[in-house]
């Protein structure tokens, strides 16, 4: 088809409870090409958000295994500072909870512009 934009290979995300790890995402493999749209559906608690958080590098205390390739670059092993440079520039996430997605004390335009100001100063 087209150039692979995002490739996820054998991704597993596990969370520790007591002394055991439990998989929230278990061996997911998918490819998203440029100009494609992907919808992920499933029951509540099936791991959709855990998958998205893993791709975005937003889990604090999870064991993440597998590869997450964004434009042929494995982002699963990047440092937090390098991931911060990707977020809002090469990748972004719109969270489900509207109270955490937008700040009700700020104008919407200011919130949208914030990403551009942080990642595209030359615009």
C-alpha atoms as a PDB file:
ATOM      1  CA  UNK A   1       0.000   0.000   0.000  1.00  0.00           C
ATOM      2  CA  UNK A   2       1.931   3.039   1.215  1.00  0.00           C
ATOM      3  CA  UNK A   3       4.782   3.941   3.466  1.00  0.00           C
ATOM      4  CA  UNK A   4       4.387   2.607   6.987  1.00  0.00           C
ATOM      5  CA  UNK A   5       3.806   5.476   9.373  1.00  0.00           C
ATOM      6  CA  UNK A   6       3.339   3.402  12.517  1.00  0.00           C
ATOM      7  CA  UNK A   7       4.268  -0.237  13.005  1.00  0.00           C
ATOM      8  CA  UNK A   8       3.571  -2.010  16.260  1.00  0.00           C
ATOM      9  CA  UNK A   9       5.209  -5.414  16.563  1.00  0.00           C
ATOM     10  CA  UNK A  10       4.362  -7.888  19.324  1.00  0.00           C
ATOM     11  CA  UNK A  11       3.510  -5.150  21.817  1.00  0.00           C
ATOM     12  CA  UNK A  12       2.671  -6.256  25.334  1.00  0.00           C
ATOM     13  CA  UNK A  13       2.012  -3.908  28.233  1.00  0.00           C
ATOM     14  CA  UNK A  14       1.861  -5.358  31.719  1.00  0.00           C
ATOM     15  CA  UNK A  15       1.131  -3.815  35.089  1.00  0.00           C
ATOM     16  CA  UNK A  16       2.469  -5.059  38.389  1.00  0.00           C
ATOM     17  CA  UNK A  17       0.021  -6.025  41.103  1.00  0.00           C
ATOM     18  CA  UNK A  18       1.763  -7.258  44.252  1.00  0.00           C
ATOM     19  CA  UNK A  19       4.584  -9.430  42.890  1.00  0.00           C
ATOM     20  CA  UNK A  20       2.952 -10.429  39.593  1.00  0.00           C
ATOM     21  CA  UNK A  21       2.685  -8.703  36.205  1.00  0.00           C
ATOM     22  CA  UNK A  22      -0.668  -8.810  34.396  1.00  0.00           C
ATOM     23  CA  UNK A  23      -1.003  -8.054  30.695  1.00  0.00           C
ATOM     24  CA  UNK A  24      -3.366  -5.259  29.683  1.00  0.00           C
ATOM     25  CA  UNK A  25      -2.113  -5.421  26.083  1.00  0.00           C
ATOM     26  CA  UNK A  26      -1.017  -8.845  24.885  1.00  0.00           C
ATOM     27  CA  UNK A  27       1.034  -9.337  21.704  1.00  0.00           C
ATOM     28  CA  UNK A  28      -0.504  -6.644  19.473  1.00  0.00           C
ATOM     29  CA  UNK A  29       0.857  -6.264  15.955  1.00  0.00           C
ATOM     30  CA  UNK A  30      -0.484  -3.698  13.491  1.00  0.00           C
ATOM     31  CA  UNK A  31       0.620  -1.396  10.698  1.00  0.00           C
ATOM     32  CA  UNK A  32      -0.768   2.038   9.935  1.00  0.00           C
ATOM     33  CA  UNK A  33       0.238   3.487   6.577  1.00  0.00           C
ATOM     34  CA  UNK A  34       0.384   7.141   5.625  1.00  0.00           C
ATOM     35  CA  UNK A  35      -3.103   8.561   4.866  1.00  0.00           C
ATOM     36  CA  UNK A  36      -4.860   5.648   6.575  1.00  0.00           C
ATOM     37  CA  UNK A  37      -7.244   5.911   9.503  1.00  0.00           C
ATOM     38  CA  UNK A  38      -7.329   3.245  12.186  1.00  0.00           C
ATOM     39  CA  UNK A  39     -10.106   2.697  14.675  1.00  0.00           C
ATOM     40  CA  UNK A  40      -9.568   0.476  17.697  1.00  0.00           C
ATOM     41  CA  UNK A  41     -12.723  -0.815  19.337  1.00  0.00           C
ATOM     42  CA  UNK A  42     -13.383  -3.166  22.215  1.00  0.00           C
ATOM     43  CA  UNK A  43     -15.125  -3.649  25.487  1.00  0.00           C
ATOM     44  CA  UNK A  44     -14.421  -1.457  28.471  1.00  0.00           C
ATOM     45  CA  UNK A  45     -11.209  -2.694  30.058  1.00  0.00           C
ATOM     46  CA  UNK A  46     -10.002  -4.509  26.937  1.00  0.00           C
ATOM     47  CA  UNK A  47      -6.764  -2.492  26.673  1.00  0.00           C
ATOM     48  CA  UNK A  48      -7.550   0.208  24.097  1.00  0.00           C
ATOM     49  CA  UNK A  49      -6.318   3.063  26.283  1.00  0.00           C
ATOM     50  CA  UNK A  50      -3.384   1.006  27.570  1.00  0.00           C
ATOM     51  CA  UNK A  51      -2.347   0.443  23.943  1.00  0.00           C
ATOM     52  CA  UNK A  52      -2.604   4.163  23.128  1.00  0.00           C
ATOM     53  CA  UNK A  53      -0.733   5.153  26.294  1.00  0.00           C
ATOM     54  CA  UNK A  54       2.008   2.635  25.428  1.00  0.00           C
ATOM     55  CA  UNK A  55       2.413   4.089  21.934  1.00  0.00           C
ATOM     56  CA  UNK A  56       2.568   7.609  23.363  1.00  0.00           C
ATOM     57  CA  UNK A  57       5.042   6.582  26.080  1.00  0.00           C
ATOM     58  CA  UNK A  58       2.771   7.812  28.854  1.00  0.00           C
ATOM     59  CA  UNK A  59       2.858   4.844  31.261  1.00  0.00           C
ATOM     60  CA  UNK A  60       4.886   5.493  34.396  1.00  0.00           C
ATOM     61  CA  UNK A  61       5.080   2.029  35.916  1.00  0.00           C
ATOM     62  CA  UNK A  62       4.367  -0.493  33.188  1.00  0.00           C
ATOM     63  CA  UNK A  63       6.481  -3.184  31.581  1.00  0.00           C
ATOM     64  CA  UNK A  64       6.352  -2.608  27.823  1.00  0.00           C
ATOM     65  CA  UNK A  65       7.744  -5.217  25.451  1.00  0.00           C
ATOM     66  CA  UNK A  66       7.854  -5.259  21.671  1.00  0.00           C
ATOM     67  CA  UNK A  67       8.547  -2.604  19.078  1.00  0.00           C
ATOM     68  CA  UNK A  68       6.776   0.673  18.343  1.00  0.00           C
ATOM     69  CA  UNK A  69       8.138   2.067  15.085  1.00  0.00           C
ATOM     70  CA  UNK A  70       7.187   5.596  14.116  1.00  0.00           C
ATOM     71  CA  UNK A  71       8.603   6.436  10.681  1.00  0.00           C
ATOM     72  CA  UNK A  72      10.980   3.433  11.012  1.00  0.00           C
ATOM     73  CA  UNK A  73      12.320   4.658  14.386  1.00  0.00           C
ATOM     74  CA  UNK A  74      11.777   2.488  17.476  1.00  0.00           C
ATOM     75  CA  UNK A  75      10.246   4.934  19.934  1.00  0.00           C
ATOM     76  CA  UNK A  76       9.583   2.344  22.653  1.00  0.00           C
ATOM     77  CA  UNK A  77      13.108   2.793  24.008  1.00  0.00           C
ATOM     78  CA  UNK A  78      13.427   6.583  23.777  1.00  0.00           C
ATOM     79  CA  UNK A  79      14.185   8.669  26.839  1.00  0.00           C
ATOM     80  CA  UNK A  80      11.355  10.765  28.305  1.00  0.00           C
ATOM     81  CA  UNK A  81      12.914  13.991  26.969  1.00  0.00           C
ATOM     82  CA  UNK A  82      13.113  12.590  23.428  1.00  0.00           C
ATOM     83  CA  UNK A  83       9.520  11.343  23.669  1.00  0.00           C
ATOM     84  CA  UNK A  84       8.425  14.826  24.768  1.00  0.00           C
ATOM     85  CA  UNK A  85       9.921  16.231  21.564  1.00  0.00           C
ATOM     86  CA  UNK A  86       7.888  13.752  19.482  1.00  0.00           C
ATOM     87  CA  UNK A  87       4.620  14.354  21.318  1.00  0.00           C
ATOM     88  CA  UNK A  88       2.709  17.253  19.838  1.00  0.00           C
ATOM     89  CA  UNK A  89       5.021  17.365  16.826  1.00  0.00           C
ATOM     90  CA  UNK A  90       5.078  13.911  15.222  1.00  0.00           C
ATOM     91  CA  UNK A  91       2.323  12.341  17.285  1.00  0.00           C
ATOM     92  CA  UNK A  92      -0.524  13.398  19.535  1.00  0.00           C
ATOM     93  CA  UNK A  93      -3.364  11.914  21.525  1.00  0.00           C
ATOM     94  CA  UNK A  94      -6.805  13.257  22.328  1.00  0.00           C
ATOM     95  CA  UNK A  95      -7.820  11.856  25.693  1.00  0.00           C
ATOM     96  CA  UNK A  96     -11.277  10.411  26.369  1.00  0.00           C
ATOM     97  CA  UNK A  97     -12.015  12.440  29.478  1.00  0.00           C
ATOM     98  CA  UNK A  98     -13.024  15.974  28.445  1.00  0.00           C
ATOM     99  CA  UNK A  99     -11.962  17.384  31.819  1.00  0.00           C
ATOM    100  CA  UNK A 100      -8.373  16.242  31.231  1.00  0.00           C
ATOM    101  CA  UNK A 101      -8.362  16.950  27.486  1.00  0.00           C
ATOM    102  CA  UNK A 102      -9.027  20.675  27.705  1.00  0.00           C
ATOM    103  CA  UNK A 103      -8.465  23.169  30.491  1.00  0.00           C
ATOM    104  CA  UNK A 104     -11.780  24.932  31.193  1.00  0.00           C
ATOM    105  CA  UNK A 105      -9.874  27.975  32.511  1.00  0.00           C
ATOM    106  CA  UNK A 106      -8.098  28.596  29.190  1.00  0.00           C
ATOM    107  CA  UNK A 107      -9.474  29.622  25.804  1.00  0.00           C
ATOM    108  CA  UNK A 108      -9.605  26.687  23.379  1.00  0.00           C
ATOM    109  CA  UNK A 109      -7.569  28.618  20.803  1.00  0.00           C
ATOM    110  CA  UNK A 110      -4.776  29.174  23.343  1.00  0.00           C
ATOM    111  CA  UNK A 111      -4.682  25.456  24.109  1.00  0.00           C
ATOM    112  CA  UNK A 112      -4.441  24.514  20.447  1.00  0.00           C
ATOM    113  CA  UNK A 113      -1.820  27.188  19.823  1.00  0.00           C
ATOM    114  CA  UNK A 114       0.266  25.900  22.748  1.00  0.00           C
ATOM    115  CA  UNK A 115       1.317  22.817  20.782  1.00  0.00           C
ATOM    116  CA  UNK A 116       2.291  24.913  17.780  1.00  0.00           C
ATOM    117  CA  UNK A 117       4.266  27.345  19.941  1.00  0.00           C
ATOM    118  CA  UNK A 118       6.119  24.504  21.670  1.00  0.00           C
ATOM    119  CA  UNK A 119       6.880  22.424  18.569  1.00  0.00           C
ATOM    120  CA  UNK A 120       6.783  24.770  15.573  1.00  0.00           C
ATOM    121  CA  UNK A 121       8.321  28.076  16.621  1.00  0.00           C
ATOM    122  CA  UNK A 122       8.978  29.023  12.996  1.00  0.00           C
ATOM    123  CA  UNK A 123       5.265  29.127  12.113  1.00  0.00           C
END
